[in-house]
Amino acid sequence: MMEDTVPAAVSPAAAAEVPGYLPVSRLAVGALVLGLFSALALVSPFFLVVPLVALAVSVAGCADCDRPGAPRAGRLAALVGLALSIGFAAQALSTMIVARSITAGRAVAAAEMFLTAVRDGRSADAEAMCSAEAQAAVATLAACGARGACRGGGAGDEPGTWVVRIVPTEPGDCGARLVLTPAVGVQRGGSIERWLVTACDVEAKPVRPSGT
């Protein structure tokens, strides 16, 4: 009488020893997922940390796949995650730099309009561009002649503010430090950006020569 034979079950460890089989690196898979999520850096600078983490995990994933004596599959996924993290990070940073440069140029242009109004004696127009706290400095700046060149356009101490300096171009002129804030107003046909001078600090006053 013949007896039926049941084949022995193959353990996972034995299956891993199949020729040509390589376990998949979890780091490589994580690098690919983080690389895809690196696109969030284009939404807000707060998410710039995502491509940085993806970059580190991608490098670790490549090293995990090339480990001597215990190679793993997934190197291509790690490289794709690396490329995505670098690409999204570079695009996010370049967008931030361009946007900052454009905003700084607008701040300088608004400061030049304000300075021109003061120089031409249009105090009402100059005060209309100022907050209530900065309107008092219009008369002081006008007494200095309001001559100079607008320089700077850097970010101010408060979020959303920009600093422009009025640099004297002639002896006896006074300089000033302007703090401007952009605001978006709604008009017929769409929105318009309006800059407001929130602070005007006159840094020096010209010394008038004494008459004889």
N, C-alpha and C. Protein backbone atom coordinates (compact mmCIF):
# COMPACT_ATOMS: atom_id res chain seq x y z
N MET A 1 0.85 -1.20 0.00
CA MET A 1 0.00 0.00 0.00
C MET A 1 0.88 1.23 0.00
N MET A 2 0.61 2.14 -0.94
CA MET A 2 1.44 3.35 -1.07
C MET A 2 0.87 4.45 -0.20
N GLU A 3 1.74 5.19 0.42
CA GLU A 3 1.34 6.31 1.27
C GLU A 3 1.56 7.62 0.52
N ASP A 4 0.58 8.54 0.68
CA ASP A 4 0.71 9.87 0.06
C ASP A 4 1.76 10.68 0.82
N THR A 5 2.58 11.37 0.06
CA THR A 5 3.61 12.23 0.67
C THR A 5 3.20 13.69 0.52
N VAL A 6 3.35 14.45 1.59
CA VAL A 6 3.01 15.89 1.59
C VAL A 6 4.31 16.67 1.54
N PRO A 7 4.45 17.55 0.55
CA PRO A 7 5.70 18.32 0.47
C PRO A 7 5.85 19.24 1.66
N ALA A 8 7.06 19.39 2.12
CA ALA A 8 7.33 20.26 3.26
C ALA A 8 7.13 21.72 2.86
N ALA A 9 6.60 22.49 3.81
CA ALA A 9 6.38 23.92 3.56
C ALA A 9 7.72 24.64 3.46
N VAL A 10 7.77 25.62 2.55
CA VAL A 10 9.00 26.40 2.35
C VAL A 10 8.96 27.61 3.26
N SER A 11 9.95 27.77 4.08
CA SER A 11 10.00 28.90 5.01
C SER A 11 10.35 30.18 4.26
N PRO A 12 9.97 31.35 4.83
CA PRO A 12 10.34 32.62 4.19
C PRO A 12 11.84 32.78 4.04
N ALA A 13 12.58 32.27 5.02
CA ALA A 13 14.04 32.39 4.94
C ALA A 13 14.58 31.63 3.74
N ALA A 14 13.96 30.44 3.49
CA ALA A 14 14.41 29.66 2.34
C ALA A 14 14.01 30.32 1.04
N ALA A 15 12.82 30.97 1.04
CA ALA A 15 12.39 31.66 -0.18
C ALA A 15 13.31 32.82 -0.50
N ALA A 16 13.86 33.47 0.56
CA ALA A 16 14.76 34.59 0.33
C ALA A 16 16.07 34.15 -0.28
N GLU A 17 16.36 32.82 -0.19
CA GLU A 17 17.60 32.32 -0.74
C GLU A 17 17.46 31.88 -2.18
N VAL A 18 16.31 32.14 -2.80
CA VAL A 18 16.12 31.79 -4.20
C VAL A 18 17.10 32.59 -5.04
N PRO A 19 17.81 31.96 -5.95
CA PRO A 19 18.78 32.69 -6.77
C PRO A 19 18.13 33.84 -7.53
N GLY A 20 18.76 35.01 -7.48
CA GLY A 20 18.26 36.19 -8.19
C GLY A 20 17.28 37.03 -7.41
N TYR A 21 16.84 36.54 -6.25
CA TYR A 21 15.88 37.30 -5.45
C TYR A 21 16.61 38.29 -4.55
N LEU A 22 16.15 39.56 -4.54
CA LEU A 22 16.71 40.58 -3.66
C LEU A 22 15.57 41.23 -2.89
N PRO A 23 15.69 41.35 -1.59
CA PRO A 23 14.66 42.06 -0.83
C PRO A 23 14.65 43.54 -1.20
N VAL A 24 13.48 44.14 -1.14
CA VAL A 24 13.33 45.55 -1.51
C VAL A 24 13.71 46.42 -0.32
N SER A 25 14.50 47.44 -0.57
CA SER A 25 14.92 48.37 0.48
C SER A 25 13.75 49.28 0.87
N ARG A 26 13.43 49.28 2.14
CA ARG A 26 12.37 50.16 2.62
C ARG A 26 12.79 51.63 2.54
N LEU A 27 14.08 51.88 2.72
CA LEU A 27 14.56 53.26 2.60
C LEU A 27 14.38 53.78 1.18
N ALA A 28 14.61 52.92 0.19
CA ALA A 28 14.44 53.35 -1.20
C ALA A 28 12.98 53.66 -1.50
N VAL A 29 12.08 52.83 -0.99
CA VAL A 29 10.65 53.09 -1.19
C VAL A 29 10.23 54.38 -0.49
N GLY A 30 10.73 54.56 0.74
CA GLY A 30 10.43 55.80 1.46
C GLY A 30 10.97 57.02 0.76
N ALA A 31 12.15 56.89 0.14
CA ALA A 31 12.73 58.01 -0.60
C ALA A 31 11.85 58.39 -1.79
N LEU A 32 11.30 57.39 -2.48
CA LEU A 32 10.42 57.68 -3.61
C LEU A 32 9.15 58.39 -3.16
N VAL A 33 8.57 57.92 -2.06
CA VAL A 33 7.34 58.55 -1.55
C VAL A 33 7.62 59.99 -1.10
N LEU A 34 8.71 60.19 -0.37
CA LEU A 34 9.05 61.55 0.07
C LEU A 34 9.40 62.45 -1.11
N GLY A 35 10.00 61.88 -2.14
CA GLY A 35 10.29 62.67 -3.33
C GLY A 35 9.03 63.18 -3.99
N LEU A 36 8.00 62.35 -4.02
CA LEU A 36 6.72 62.79 -4.59
C LEU A 36 6.08 63.87 -3.73
N PHE A 37 6.17 63.72 -2.41
CA PHE A 37 5.59 64.72 -1.51
C PHE A 37 6.42 66.00 -1.46
N SER A 38 7.61 65.99 -2.05
CA SER A 38 8.43 67.21 -2.08
C SER A 38 7.78 68.32 -2.89
N ALA A 39 6.78 67.98 -3.69
CA ALA A 39 6.05 69.01 -4.44
C ALA A 39 5.34 69.98 -3.52
N LEU A 40 5.14 69.60 -2.26
CA LEU A 40 4.50 70.51 -1.30
C LEU A 40 5.34 71.76 -1.07
N ALA A 41 6.64 71.69 -1.36
CA ALA A 41 7.50 72.86 -1.19
C ALA A 41 7.11 73.99 -2.12
N LEU A 42 6.41 73.68 -3.20
CA LEU A 42 5.95 74.72 -4.12
C LEU A 42 4.73 75.45 -3.56
N VAL A 43 4.07 74.86 -2.58
CA VAL A 43 2.87 75.47 -2.00
C VAL A 43 3.24 76.50 -0.95
N SER A 44 4.18 76.15 -0.08
CA SER A 44 4.57 77.04 1.01
C SER A 44 6.02 76.78 1.38
N PRO A 45 6.79 77.84 1.74
CA PRO A 45 8.17 77.62 2.18
C PRO A 45 8.26 76.74 3.42
N PHE A 46 7.17 76.64 4.16
CA PHE A 46 7.17 75.79 5.36
C PHE A 46 7.47 74.34 5.02
N PHE A 47 7.08 73.92 3.82
CA PHE A 47 7.26 72.52 3.42
C PHE A 47 8.63 72.27 2.76
N LEU A 48 9.54 73.22 2.82
CA LEU A 48 10.88 72.99 2.27
C LEU A 48 11.62 71.89 3.03
N VAL A 49 11.17 71.59 4.22
CA VAL A 49 11.81 70.53 4.99
C VAL A 49 11.56 69.17 4.35
N VAL A 50 10.47 69.04 3.58
CA VAL A 50 10.15 67.74 2.97
C VAL A 50 11.21 67.31 1.96
N PRO A 51 11.59 68.16 0.97
CA PRO A 51 12.65 67.72 0.06
C PRO A 51 14.00 67.53 0.74
N LEU A 52 14.25 68.24 1.83
CA LEU A 52 15.51 68.04 2.55
C LEU A 52 15.54 66.65 3.19
N VAL A 53 14.42 66.27 3.79
CA VAL A 53 14.35 64.92 4.37
C VAL A 53 14.40 63.87 3.27
N ALA A 54 13.72 64.14 2.16
CA ALA A 54 13.73 63.20 1.04
C ALA A 54 15.14 63.02 0.49
N LEU A 55 15.91 64.10 0.45
CA LEU A 55 17.29 64.02 -0.03
C LEU A 55 18.12 63.11 0.86
N ALA A 56 17.98 63.27 2.17
CA ALA A 56 18.75 62.44 3.10
C ALA A 56 18.32 60.97 3.01
N VAL A 57 17.02 60.73 2.92
CA VAL A 57 16.53 59.35 2.84
C VAL A 57 16.95 58.71 1.52
N SER A 58 17.00 59.50 0.44
CA SER A 58 17.42 58.96 -0.86
C SER A 58 18.87 58.51 -0.82
N VAL A 59 19.72 59.32 -0.21
CA VAL A 59 21.13 58.93 -0.10
C VAL A 59 21.27 57.67 0.75
N ALA A 60 20.51 57.63 1.85
CA ALA A 60 20.55 56.43 2.68
C ALA A 60 20.00 55.22 1.94
N GLY A 61 18.97 55.43 1.10
CA GLY A 61 18.42 54.33 0.32
C GLY A 61 19.41 53.78 -0.69
N CYS A 62 20.15 54.67 -1.35
CA CYS A 62 21.17 54.21 -2.30
C CYS A 62 22.26 53.41 -1.59
N ALA A 63 22.65 53.89 -0.40
CA ALA A 63 23.66 53.16 0.36
C ALA A 63 23.13 51.81 0.84
N ASP A 64 21.84 51.77 1.18
CA ASP A 64 21.25 50.50 1.63
C ASP A 64 21.20 49.48 0.50
N CYS A 65 20.94 49.96 -0.71
CA CYS A 65 20.88 49.04 -1.86
C CYS A 65 22.25 48.51 -2.25
N ASP A 66 23.30 49.28 -1.96
CA ASP A 66 24.65 48.88 -2.35
C ASP A 66 25.44 48.32 -1.16
N ARG A 67 24.74 47.89 -0.13
CA ARG A 67 25.43 47.38 1.05
C ARG A 67 26.22 46.12 0.69
N PRO A 68 27.51 46.06 1.02
CA PRO A 68 28.32 44.88 0.68
C PRO A 68 27.83 43.64 1.41
N GLY A 69 27.65 42.57 0.66
CA GLY A 69 27.24 41.32 1.25
C GLY A 69 25.75 41.16 1.42
N ALA A 70 25.00 42.24 1.36
CA ALA A 70 23.54 42.16 1.53
C ALA A 70 22.87 43.19 0.63
N PRO A 71 23.03 43.06 -0.68
CA PRO A 71 22.42 44.05 -1.58
C PRO A 71 20.90 43.96 -1.55
N ARG A 72 20.28 45.08 -1.85
CA ARG A 72 18.82 45.15 -1.87
C ARG A 72 18.35 45.79 -3.17
N ALA A 73 17.13 45.48 -3.55
CA ALA A 73 16.54 46.10 -4.74
C ALA A 73 15.91 47.44 -4.36
N GLY A 74 15.79 48.32 -5.36
CA GLY A 74 15.15 49.61 -5.12
C GLY A 74 16.05 50.80 -5.37
N ARG A 75 17.23 50.56 -5.94
CA ARG A 75 18.14 51.67 -6.19
C ARG A 75 17.51 52.69 -7.14
N LEU A 76 16.78 52.21 -8.15
CA LEU A 76 16.14 53.13 -9.09
C LEU A 76 15.11 54.02 -8.38
N ALA A 77 14.35 53.43 -7.45
CA ALA A 77 13.38 54.23 -6.69
C ALA A 77 14.07 55.29 -5.86
N ALA A 78 15.21 54.94 -5.26
CA ALA A 78 15.96 55.91 -4.47
C ALA A 78 16.50 57.04 -5.34
N LEU A 79 16.97 56.69 -6.54
CA LEU A 79 17.48 57.72 -7.44
C LEU A 79 16.36 58.64 -7.93
N VAL A 80 15.18 58.07 -8.20
CA VAL A 80 14.04 58.90 -8.61
C VAL A 80 13.64 59.84 -7.48
N GLY A 81 13.61 59.32 -6.25
CA GLY A 81 13.31 60.18 -5.10
C GLY A 81 14.33 61.28 -4.93
N LEU A 82 15.60 60.95 -5.18
CA LEU A 82 16.66 61.96 -5.09
C LEU A 82 16.47 63.05 -6.13
N ALA A 83 16.17 62.65 -7.36
CA ALA A 83 15.96 63.64 -8.43
C ALA A 83 14.74 64.52 -8.15
N LEU A 84 13.67 63.91 -7.66
CA LEU A 84 12.46 64.70 -7.37
C LEU A 84 12.71 65.69 -6.24
N SER A 85 13.41 65.26 -5.20
CA SER A 85 13.67 66.16 -4.07
C SER A 85 14.53 67.34 -4.49
N ILE A 86 15.56 67.08 -5.29
CA ILE A 86 16.43 68.17 -5.75
C ILE A 86 15.66 69.10 -6.68
N GLY A 87 14.88 68.53 -7.59
CA GLY A 87 14.14 69.36 -8.54
C GLY A 87 13.11 70.25 -7.88
N PHE A 88 12.31 69.69 -6.98
CA PHE A 88 11.28 70.49 -6.32
C PHE A 88 11.89 71.53 -5.39
N ALA A 89 12.98 71.17 -4.71
CA ALA A 89 13.63 72.13 -3.82
C ALA A 89 14.21 73.29 -4.61
N ALA A 90 14.87 72.99 -5.74
CA ALA A 90 15.44 74.06 -6.56
C ALA A 90 14.36 74.97 -7.13
N GLN A 91 13.25 74.37 -7.57
CA GLN A 91 12.17 75.18 -8.12
C GLN A 91 11.53 76.05 -7.05
N ALA A 92 11.36 75.51 -5.85
CA ALA A 92 10.76 76.29 -4.77
C ALA A 92 11.66 77.46 -4.36
N LEU A 93 12.97 77.20 -4.26
CA LEU A 93 13.90 78.26 -3.88
C LEU A 93 13.98 79.34 -4.95
N SER A 94 14.03 78.94 -6.22
CA SER A 94 14.09 79.94 -7.29
C SER A 94 12.82 80.78 -7.33
N THR A 95 11.67 80.16 -7.08
CA THR A 95 10.42 80.91 -7.04
C THR A 95 10.42 81.92 -5.91
N MET A 96 10.94 81.52 -4.75
CA MET A 96 11.02 82.44 -3.61
C MET A 96 11.94 83.61 -3.91
N ILE A 97 13.09 83.34 -4.53
CA ILE A 97 14.05 84.40 -4.83
C ILE A 97 13.47 85.38 -5.83
N VAL A 98 12.83 84.87 -6.88
CA VAL A 98 12.23 85.76 -7.89
C VAL A 98 11.11 86.60 -7.29
N ALA A 99 10.25 85.96 -6.48
CA ALA A 99 9.15 86.71 -5.86
C ALA A 99 9.68 87.77 -4.91
N ARG A 100 10.73 87.46 -4.17
CA ARG A 100 11.32 88.44 -3.26
C ARG A 100 11.92 89.60 -4.03
N SER A 101 12.60 89.30 -5.14
CA SER A 101 13.19 90.37 -5.95
C SER A 101 12.12 91.29 -6.54
N ILE A 102 11.02 90.70 -7.02
CA ILE A 102 9.94 91.51 -7.59
C ILE A 102 9.31 92.40 -6.52
N THR A 103 9.06 91.84 -5.34
CA THR A 103 8.45 92.62 -4.26
C THR A 103 9.38 93.73 -3.80
N ALA A 104 10.69 93.44 -3.72
CA ALA A 104 11.65 94.47 -3.33
C ALA A 104 11.67 95.61 -4.34
N GLY A 105 11.59 95.29 -5.63
CA GLY A 105 11.54 96.33 -6.65
C GLY A 105 10.29 97.18 -6.54
N ARG A 106 9.17 96.58 -6.20
CA ARG A 106 7.94 97.34 -6.03
C ARG A 106 8.03 98.25 -4.81
N ALA A 107 8.68 97.78 -3.75
CA ALA A 107 8.86 98.62 -2.57
C ALA A 107 9.70 99.85 -2.88
N VAL A 108 10.77 99.67 -3.64
CA VAL A 108 11.62 100.81 -4.02
C VAL A 108 10.84 101.77 -4.92
N ALA A 109 10.05 101.24 -5.85
CA ALA A 109 9.25 102.10 -6.73
C ALA A 109 8.24 102.91 -5.93
N ALA A 110 7.60 102.28 -4.93
CA ALA A 110 6.65 103.02 -4.09
C ALA A 110 7.35 104.09 -3.28
N ALA A 111 8.56 103.79 -2.79
CA ALA A 111 9.32 104.79 -2.04
C ALA A 111 9.71 105.96 -2.93
N GLU A 112 10.05 105.69 -4.18
CA GLU A 112 10.39 106.77 -5.11
C GLU A 112 9.18 107.66 -5.40
N MET A 113 8.01 107.06 -5.52
CA MET A 113 6.79 107.85 -5.71
C MET A 113 6.52 108.74 -4.50
N PHE A 114 6.71 108.19 -3.31
CA PHE A 114 6.53 108.97 -2.09
C PHE A 114 7.53 110.11 -2.02
N LEU A 115 8.79 109.83 -2.33
CA LEU A 115 9.84 110.86 -2.27
C LEU A 115 9.59 111.95 -3.30
N THR A 116 9.12 111.58 -4.49
CA THR A 116 8.81 112.57 -5.52
C THR A 116 7.68 113.48 -5.09
N ALA A 117 6.67 112.92 -4.44
CA ALA A 117 5.56 113.74 -3.96
C ALA A 117 6.03 114.73 -2.90
N VAL A 118 6.92 114.30 -2.02
CA VAL A 118 7.45 115.21 -1.00
C VAL A 118 8.31 116.28 -1.64
N ARG A 119 9.14 115.90 -2.60
CA ARG A 119 10.04 116.84 -3.26
C ARG A 119 9.26 117.89 -4.04
N ASP A 120 8.15 117.49 -4.66
CA ASP A 120 7.35 118.42 -5.46
C ASP A 120 6.40 119.26 -4.63
N GLY A 121 6.42 119.09 -3.33
CA GLY A 121 5.54 119.87 -2.47
C GLY A 121 4.12 119.37 -2.42
N ARG A 122 3.85 118.17 -2.89
CA ARG A 122 2.51 117.60 -2.84
C ARG A 122 2.34 116.83 -1.52
N SER A 123 2.25 117.61 -0.46
CA SER A 123 2.18 117.01 0.87
C SER A 123 0.95 116.13 1.04
N ALA A 124 -0.17 116.55 0.46
CA ALA A 124 -1.40 115.76 0.60
C ALA A 124 -1.24 114.39 -0.05
N ASP A 125 -0.60 114.35 -1.22
CA ASP A 125 -0.38 113.06 -1.88
C ASP A 125 0.58 112.19 -1.08
N ALA A 126 1.62 112.83 -0.52
CA ALA A 126 2.60 112.08 0.27
C ALA A 126 1.96 111.53 1.54
N GLU A 127 1.14 112.35 2.20
CA GLU A 127 0.49 111.89 3.42
C GLU A 127 -0.54 110.81 3.14
N ALA A 128 -1.12 110.83 1.94
CA ALA A 128 -2.09 109.79 1.57
C ALA A 128 -1.42 108.43 1.44
N MET A 129 -0.11 108.43 1.21
CA MET A 129 0.63 107.17 1.11
C MET A 129 1.17 106.71 2.46
N CYS A 130 0.90 107.47 3.53
CA CYS A 130 1.45 107.16 4.84
C CYS A 130 0.36 106.73 5.80
N SER A 131 0.78 105.99 6.80
CA SER A 131 -0.11 105.70 7.91
C SER A 131 -0.19 106.93 8.81
N ALA A 132 -1.09 106.89 9.77
CA ALA A 132 -1.25 108.05 10.66
C ALA A 132 0.03 108.34 11.44
N GLU A 133 0.78 107.31 11.80
CA GLU A 133 2.01 107.51 12.56
C GLU A 133 3.12 108.11 11.72
N ALA A 134 3.11 107.88 10.42
CA ALA A 134 4.20 108.34 9.56
C ALA A 134 3.92 109.68 8.90
N GLN A 135 2.71 110.19 8.99
CA GLN A 135 2.38 111.45 8.31
C GLN A 135 3.14 112.63 8.87
N ALA A 136 3.47 112.59 10.17
CA ALA A 136 4.18 113.72 10.78
C ALA A 136 5.58 113.89 10.22
N ALA A 137 6.17 112.82 9.69
CA ALA A 137 7.53 112.90 9.17
C ALA A 137 7.60 113.51 7.79
N VAL A 138 6.46 113.71 7.13
CA VAL A 138 6.47 114.28 5.78
C VAL A 138 7.01 115.69 5.81
N ALA A 139 6.57 116.50 6.77
CA ALA A 139 7.05 117.88 6.86
C ALA A 139 8.54 117.93 7.16
N THR A 140 9.01 117.04 8.03
CA THR A 140 10.44 117.01 8.36
C THR A 140 11.27 116.62 7.14
N LEU A 141 10.79 115.65 6.39
CA LEU A 141 11.51 115.23 5.19
C LEU A 141 11.48 116.31 4.13
N ALA A 142 10.38 117.04 4.03
CA ALA A 142 10.29 118.12 3.05
C ALA A 142 11.24 119.26 3.41
N ALA A 143 11.44 119.51 4.71
CA ALA A 143 12.35 120.57 5.13
C ALA A 143 13.79 120.26 4.77
N CYS A 144 14.09 118.98 4.61
CA CYS A 144 15.45 118.59 4.22
C CYS A 144 15.68 118.71 2.72
N GLY A 145 14.64 119.00 1.97
CA GLY A 145 14.77 119.08 0.53
C GLY A 145 14.33 117.83 -0.18
N ALA A 146 14.21 116.72 0.57
CA ALA A 146 13.75 115.45 0.00
C ALA A 146 14.52 115.05 -1.24
N ARG A 147 15.83 115.29 -1.19
CA ARG A 147 16.68 114.86 -2.29
C ARG A 147 17.43 113.60 -1.86
N GLY A 148 17.61 112.72 -2.77
CA GLY A 148 18.31 111.49 -2.46
C GLY A 148 17.88 110.37 -3.39
N ALA A 149 18.49 109.24 -3.20
CA ALA A 149 18.18 108.06 -4.02
C ALA A 149 17.67 106.95 -3.12
N CYS A 150 16.69 106.23 -3.60
CA CYS A 150 16.10 105.13 -2.84
C CYS A 150 16.93 103.87 -3.06
N ARG A 151 17.34 103.27 -2.00
CA ARG A 151 18.16 102.06 -2.05
C ARG A 151 17.59 101.02 -1.09
N GLY A 152 17.90 99.78 -1.36
CA GLY A 152 17.53 98.72 -0.43
C GLY A 152 16.42 97.86 -0.96
N GLY A 153 15.31 97.86 -0.27
CA GLY A 153 14.22 96.97 -0.61
C GLY A 153 14.33 95.64 0.10
N GLY A 154 14.94 95.66 1.31
CA GLY A 154 15.06 94.43 2.07
C GLY A 154 13.87 94.22 2.99
N ALA A 155 13.74 93.01 3.49
CA ALA A 155 12.64 92.69 4.39
C ALA A 155 12.83 93.40 5.72
N GLY A 156 11.72 93.87 6.29
CA GLY A 156 11.76 94.57 7.56
C GLY A 156 11.71 93.62 8.73
N ASP A 157 11.70 94.20 9.93
CA ASP A 157 11.67 93.39 11.14
C ASP A 157 10.33 92.70 11.32
N GLU A 158 9.25 93.38 10.96
CA GLU A 158 7.93 92.79 11.08
C GLU A 158 7.59 92.01 9.81
N PRO A 159 6.87 90.91 9.93
CA PRO A 159 6.49 90.14 8.73
C PRO A 159 5.65 90.98 7.77
N GLY A 160 5.99 90.90 6.50
CA GLY A 160 5.24 91.62 5.48
C GLY A 160 5.67 93.05 5.28
N THR A 161 6.72 93.51 5.97
CA THR A 161 7.21 94.88 5.81
C THR A 161 8.52 94.88 5.04
N TRP A 162 8.77 96.01 4.38
CA TRP A 162 9.99 96.16 3.58
C TRP A 162 10.63 97.50 3.90
N VAL A 163 11.95 97.51 3.94
CA VAL A 163 12.70 98.70 4.33
C VAL A 163 13.42 99.26 3.11
N VAL A 164 13.24 100.56 2.88
CA VAL A 164 13.93 101.28 1.81
C VAL A 164 14.60 102.50 2.43
N ARG A 165 15.85 102.71 2.09
CA ARG A 165 16.59 103.85 2.63
C ARG A 165 16.73 104.94 1.57
N ILE A 166 16.57 106.18 2.01
CA ILE A 166 16.82 107.33 1.15
C ILE A 166 18.24 107.80 1.43
N VAL A 167 19.11 107.59 0.46
CA VAL A 167 20.53 107.90 0.62
C VAL A 167 20.80 109.29 0.07
N PRO A 168 21.38 110.20 0.87
CA PRO A 168 21.67 111.55 0.38
C PRO A 168 22.63 111.51 -0.79
N THR A 169 22.38 112.36 -1.75
CA THR A 169 23.25 112.46 -2.93
C THR A 169 24.03 113.76 -2.98
N GLU A 170 23.70 114.71 -2.11
CA GLU A 170 24.40 115.99 -2.07
C GLU A 170 24.73 116.33 -0.63
N PRO A 171 25.83 117.08 -0.41
CA PRO A 171 26.17 117.49 0.95
C PRO A 171 25.05 118.33 1.56
N GLY A 172 24.75 118.05 2.81
CA GLY A 172 23.70 118.79 3.49
C GLY A 172 22.34 118.15 3.42
N ASP A 173 22.17 117.18 2.53
CA ASP A 173 20.89 116.48 2.45
C ASP A 173 20.76 115.51 3.62
N CYS A 174 19.54 115.15 3.93
CA CYS A 174 19.31 114.20 5.01
C CYS A 174 18.84 112.87 4.43
N GLY A 175 19.15 111.83 5.12
CA GLY A 175 18.68 110.51 4.72
C GLY A 175 17.47 110.11 5.53
N ALA A 176 16.86 109.03 5.13
CA ALA A 176 15.67 108.56 5.83
C ALA A 176 15.54 107.05 5.67
N ARG A 177 14.85 106.48 6.59
CA ARG A 177 14.57 105.04 6.56
C ARG A 177 13.06 104.86 6.49
N LEU A 178 12.61 104.30 5.38
CA LEU A 178 11.18 104.09 5.17
C LEU A 178 10.83 102.62 5.39
N VAL A 179 9.73 102.41 6.07
CA VAL A 179 9.17 101.06 6.23
C VAL A 179 7.84 101.03 5.50
N LEU A 180 7.73 100.13 4.53
CA LEU A 180 6.54 100.05 3.69
C LEU A 180 5.86 98.69 3.84
N THR A 181 4.56 98.71 3.66
CA THR A 181 3.76 97.49 3.74
C THR A 181 2.83 97.42 2.54
N PRO A 182 2.81 96.32 1.81
CA PRO A 182 1.88 96.20 0.68
C PRO A 182 0.49 95.81 1.16
N ALA A 183 -0.49 96.33 0.46
CA ALA A 183 -1.88 95.98 0.75
C ALA A 183 -2.61 95.86 -0.58
N VAL A 184 -3.51 94.93 -0.65
CA VAL A 184 -4.28 94.69 -1.88
C VAL A 184 -5.66 95.30 -1.70
N GLY A 185 -5.98 96.25 -2.58
CA GLY A 185 -7.29 96.87 -2.57
C GLY A 185 -8.13 96.40 -3.75
N VAL A 186 -9.41 96.49 -3.60
CA VAL A 186 -10.34 96.05 -4.64
C VAL A 186 -10.95 97.27 -5.30
N GLN A 187 -10.82 97.33 -6.61
CA GLN A 187 -11.41 98.40 -7.40
C GLN A 187 -12.24 97.79 -8.51
N ARG A 188 -12.94 98.66 -9.20
CA ARG A 188 -13.74 98.18 -10.32
C ARG A 188 -12.82 97.58 -11.39
N GLY A 189 -13.10 96.36 -11.75
CA GLY A 189 -12.29 95.69 -12.76
C GLY A 189 -11.25 94.75 -12.19
N GLY A 190 -11.07 94.73 -10.85
CA GLY A 190 -10.10 93.83 -10.27
C GLY A 190 -9.43 94.42 -9.05
N SER A 191 -8.40 93.74 -8.59
CA SER A 191 -7.67 94.17 -7.40
C SER A 191 -6.43 94.96 -7.81
N ILE A 192 -5.97 95.80 -6.90
CA ILE A 192 -4.79 96.62 -7.14
C ILE A 192 -3.92 96.61 -5.89
N GLU A 193 -2.61 96.58 -6.09
CA GLU A 193 -1.68 96.59 -4.97
C GLU A 193 -1.35 98.02 -4.59
N ARG A 194 -1.46 98.33 -3.32
CA ARG A 194 -1.19 99.68 -2.81
C ARG A 194 -0.19 99.57 -1.67
N TRP A 195 0.86 100.38 -1.76
CA TRP A 195 1.90 100.37 -0.74
C TRP A 195 1.66 101.52 0.24
N LEU A 196 1.88 101.24 1.52
CA LEU A 196 1.67 102.22 2.57
C LEU A 196 2.96 102.40 3.35
N VAL A 197 3.36 103.67 3.54
CA VAL A 197 4.53 103.98 4.36
C VAL A 197 4.09 103.97 5.82
N THR A 198 4.55 102.99 6.56
CA THR A 198 4.14 102.87 7.96
C THR A 198 5.11 103.53 8.92
N ALA A 199 6.32 103.84 8.46
CA ALA A 199 7.30 104.53 9.30
C ALA A 199 8.25 105.30 8.41
N CYS A 200 8.59 106.50 8.85
CA CYS A 200 9.54 107.35 8.12
C CYS A 200 10.45 107.99 9.14
N ASP A 201 11.63 107.43 9.29
CA ASP A 201 12.60 107.92 10.28
C ASP A 201 13.67 108.74 9.57
N VAL A 202 13.64 110.05 9.78
CA VAL A 202 14.66 110.93 9.20
C VAL A 202 15.92 110.76 10.01
N GLU A 203 17.00 110.35 9.35
CA GLU A 203 18.21 109.97 10.06
C GLU A 203 19.14 111.14 10.32
N ALA A 204 19.03 112.21 9.57
CA ALA A 204 19.91 113.37 9.78
C ALA A 204 19.23 114.60 9.23
N LYS A 205 19.56 115.73 9.79
CA LYS A 205 19.03 117.00 9.33
C LYS A 205 20.17 117.86 8.80
N PRO A 206 19.96 118.55 7.71
CA PRO A 206 21.01 119.40 7.17
C PRO A 206 21.31 120.55 8.11
N VAL A 207 22.56 120.90 8.19
CA VAL A 207 22.98 122.02 9.01
C VAL A 207 22.97 123.27 8.15
N ARG A 208 22.14 124.21 8.52
CA ARG A 208 22.04 125.44 7.75
C ARG A 208 23.19 126.37 8.13
N PRO A 209 23.88 126.91 7.13
CA PRO A 209 24.96 127.85 7.44
C PRO A 209 24.40 129.12 8.06
N SER A 210 25.09 129.65 9.03
CA SER A 210 24.64 130.86 9.70
C SER A 210 24.85 132.06 8.80
N GLY A 211 23.86 132.94 8.76
CA GLY A 211 23.96 134.12 7.91
C GLY A 211 24.77 135.22 8.57
N THR A 212 25.20 136.16 7.80
CA THR A 212 26.00 137.26 8.33
C THR A 212 25.13 138.48 8.43
